[in-house]
C-alpha atoms as a PDB file:
ATOM      1  CA  MET A   1       5.569  30.863  -2.724  1.00  0.00           C
ATOM      2  CA  THR A   2       5.471  27.572  -4.912  1.00  0.00           C
ATOM      3  CA  THR A   3       2.536  25.607  -5.016  1.00  0.00           C
ATOM      4  CA  SER A   4       3.072  21.549  -5.778  1.00  0.00           C
ATOM      5  CA  THR A   5       0.549  19.360  -8.033  1.00  0.00           C
ATOM      6  CA  LYS A   6      -1.058  16.750  -6.736  1.00  0.00           C
ATOM      7  CA  ARG A   7      -1.096  13.357  -8.879  1.00  0.00           C
ATOM      8  CA  THR A   8      -3.724  12.074  -8.922  1.00  0.00           C
ATOM      9  CA  LYS A   9      -4.258   7.747  -9.923  1.00  0.00           C
ATOM     10  CA  ASP A  10      -6.150   7.374 -13.670  1.00  0.00           C
ATOM     11  CA  ARG A  11      -6.963   4.184 -14.931  1.00  0.00           C
ATOM     12  CA  SER A  12      -8.702   4.993 -17.938  1.00  0.00           C
ATOM     13  CA  VAL A  13      -7.549   3.695 -21.614  1.00  0.00           C
ATOM     14  CA  GLY A  14      -9.015   7.292 -22.795  1.00  0.00           C
ATOM     15  CA  THR A  15      -7.549   9.986 -21.123  1.00  0.00           C
ATOM     16  CA  SER A  16      -3.969  11.087 -20.788  1.00  0.00           C
ATOM     17  CA  SER A  17      -3.308  11.241 -17.328  1.00  0.00           C
ATOM     18  CA  LYS A  18      -0.572   8.501 -16.308  1.00  0.00           C
ATOM     19  CA  ALA A  19      -1.078   6.244 -13.563  1.00  0.00           C
ATOM     20  CA  SER A  20       0.935   6.166  -9.678  1.00  0.00           C
ATOM     21  CA  ALA A  21       4.001   3.739 -11.860  1.00  0.00           C
ATOM     22  CA  GLY A  22       4.741   6.880 -14.571  1.00  0.00           C
ATOM     23  CA  VAL A  23       2.461   4.139 -17.354  1.00  0.00           C
ATOM     24  CA  LEU A  24       1.263   6.726 -19.976  1.00  0.00           C
ATOM     25  CA  VAL A  25      -2.824   5.251 -20.171  1.00  0.00           C
ATOM     26  CA  ASP A  26      -3.958   7.089 -23.767  1.00  0.00           C
ATOM     27  CA  ALA A  27      -3.752   3.746 -25.653  1.00  0.00           C
ATOM     28  CA  ASN A  28      -4.361   6.215 -28.691  1.00  0.00           C
ATOM     29  CA  GLN A  29      -1.473   7.878 -28.412  1.00  0.00           C
ATOM     30  CA  SER A  30       0.769   4.416 -28.720  1.00  0.00           C
ATOM     31  CA  GLY A  31       3.867   5.670 -29.516  1.00  0.00           C
ATOM     32  CA  ASN A  32       4.382   7.297 -25.703  1.00  0.00           C
ATOM     33  CA  LEU A  33       3.337   3.861 -24.361  1.00  0.00           C
ATOM     34  CA  PRO A  34       6.270   2.489 -22.708  1.00  0.00           C
ATOM     35  CA  ALA A  35       7.483  -0.754 -24.225  1.00  0.00           C
ATOM     36  CA  PHE A  36       6.922  -3.053 -20.836  1.00  0.00           C
ATOM     37  CA  LEU A  37       4.862  -2.804 -17.955  1.00  0.00           C
ATOM     38  CA  SER A  38       5.826  -4.806 -14.685  1.00  0.00           C
ATOM     39  CA  GLU A  39       2.974  -6.410 -12.821  1.00  0.00           C
ATOM     40  CA  SER A  40       2.883  -4.077 -10.443  1.00  0.00           C
ATOM     41  CA  GLU A  41       2.541  -1.774 -12.984  1.00  0.00           C
ATOM     42  CA  LEU A  42      -0.089  -3.788 -15.010  1.00  0.00           C
ATOM     43  CA  ALA A  43      -2.080  -4.441 -11.755  1.00  0.00           C
ATOM     44  CA  ASN A  44      -2.181  -0.715 -11.141  1.00  0.00           C
ATOM     45  CA  TRP A  45      -3.297  -0.333 -14.619  1.00  0.00           C
ATOM     46  CA  LEU A  46      -5.698  -3.153 -14.204  1.00  0.00           C
ATOM     47  CA  ASN A  47      -6.581  -2.257 -10.976  1.00  0.00           C
ATOM     48  CA  ILE A  48      -7.055  -5.621 -10.318  1.00  0.00           C
ATOM     49  CA  ALA A  49      -4.101  -7.016  -7.405  1.00  0.00           C
ATOM     50  CA  SER A  50      -1.047  -8.814  -8.568  1.00  0.00           C
ATOM     51  CA  GLY A  51      -1.757 -12.021  -7.199  1.00  0.00           C
ATOM     52  CA  THR A  52      -4.444 -11.751  -9.765  1.00  0.00           C
ATOM     53  CA  LEU A  53      -1.622 -12.023 -12.357  1.00  0.00           C
ATOM     54  CA  ARG A  54      -0.417 -14.415 -10.875  1.00  0.00           C
ATOM     55  CA  ASN A  55      -2.631 -16.986 -10.080  1.00  0.00           C
ATOM     56  CA  TRP A  56      -3.771 -15.682 -14.277  1.00  0.00           C
ATOM     57  CA  ARG A  57      -0.268 -16.776 -15.128  1.00  0.00           C
ATOM     58  CA  VAL A  58      -0.024 -20.385 -13.512  1.00  0.00           C
ATOM     59  CA  SER A  59      -4.287 -20.840 -15.303  1.00  0.00           C
ATOM     60  CA  GLY A  60      -2.823 -19.931 -18.917  1.00  0.00           C
ATOM     61  CA  TYR A  61      -5.333 -16.793 -18.521  1.00  0.00           C
ATOM     62  CA  GLY A  62      -4.229 -12.826 -19.336  1.00  0.00           C
ATOM     63  CA  PRO A  63      -1.919 -11.361 -21.690  1.00  0.00           C
ATOM     64  CA  SER A  64       1.577 -12.751 -22.394  1.00  0.00           C
ATOM     65  CA  TYR A  65       4.338 -12.276 -20.440  1.00  0.00           C
ATOM     66  CA  CYS A  66       8.070 -12.205 -20.843  1.00  0.00           C
ATOM     67  CA  LYS A  67       9.961 -14.413 -17.245  1.00  0.00           C
ATOM     68  CA  ILE A  68      13.579 -12.121 -17.213  1.00  0.00           C
ATOM     69  CA  SER A  69      14.685 -13.373 -14.283  1.00  0.00           C
ATOM     70  CA  LYS A  70      13.363 -16.255 -11.286  1.00  0.00           C
ATOM     71  CA  SER A  71      10.982 -13.715  -9.991  1.00  0.00           C
ATOM     72  CA  VAL A  72      11.096 -10.689 -12.853  1.00  0.00           C
ATOM     73  CA  VAL A  73       8.582 -10.422 -15.269  1.00  0.00           C
ATOM     74  CA  ARG A  74       7.572  -8.204 -17.831  1.00  0.00           C
ATOM     75  CA  TYR A  75       4.585  -7.585 -19.672  1.00  0.00           C
ATOM     76  CA  PRO A  76       4.790  -6.153 -23.079  1.00  0.00           C
ATOM     77  CA  MET A  77       2.428  -3.240 -23.891  1.00  0.00           C
ATOM     78  CA  LYS A  78       1.484  -4.286 -27.299  1.00  0.00           C
ATOM     79  CA  ALA A  79       0.739  -7.875 -25.634  1.00  0.00           C
ATOM     80  CA  VAL A  80      -1.632  -6.105 -22.878  1.00  0.00           C
ATOM     81  CA  LEU A  81      -3.632  -4.115 -25.354  1.00  0.00           C
ATOM     82  CA  GLU A  82      -4.080  -6.571 -28.105  1.00  0.00           C
ATOM     83  CA  TRP A  83      -4.817  -9.304 -25.011  1.00  0.00           C
ATOM     84  CA  LEU A  84      -7.795  -6.297 -23.601  1.00  0.00           C
ATOM     85  CA  GLU A  85      -9.165  -6.040 -27.334  1.00  0.00           C
ATOM     86  CA  GLY A  86      -9.645 -10.150 -27.321  1.00  0.00           C
ATOM     87  CA  CYS A  87     -11.879  -9.129 -23.820  1.00  0.00           C
ATOM     88  CA  HIS A  88     -14.874  -6.952 -25.769  1.00  0.00           C
ATOM     89  CA  VAL A  89     -17.978  -8.682 -25.303  1.00  0.00           C
ATOM     90  CA  ARG A  90     -21.085  -7.520 -26.333  1.00  0.00           C
ATOM     91  CA  ASN A  91     -23.518  -8.726 -23.473  1.00  0.00           C
ATOM     92  CA  THR A  92     -22.550 -11.087 -20.377  1.00  0.00           C
ATOM     93  CA  SER A  93     -23.492 -15.021 -22.622  1.00  0.00           C
ATOM     94  CA  GLU A  94     -20.106 -14.095 -25.171  1.00  0.00           C
ATOM     95  CA  ALA A  95     -17.490 -13.742 -21.856  1.00  0.00           C
ATOM     96  CA  CYS A  96     -15.319 -16.451 -20.975  1.00  0.00           C
ATOM     97  CA  ALA A  97     -14.967 -17.532 -16.945  1.00  0.00           C
END
């Protein structure tokens, strides 16, 4: 009798599990991270809507991205991690909207 393994979604950066899109989310093992993320993969990883990423691109907020074609956008993992590092704040008065 065979058993199936259920994959769980884990969006936290400090674990070694994979998100549903197959993205390794352990930032400590950067050699295992994908070079680029699609819009849906990044949205899933950050636990936000894809529309939020689209809004951020229009407003100039969020990580830098590569426009491959009219409808294809990819986010370099290096740019995403650098952007996240810049988002660290110690208190709410440091946070920018």
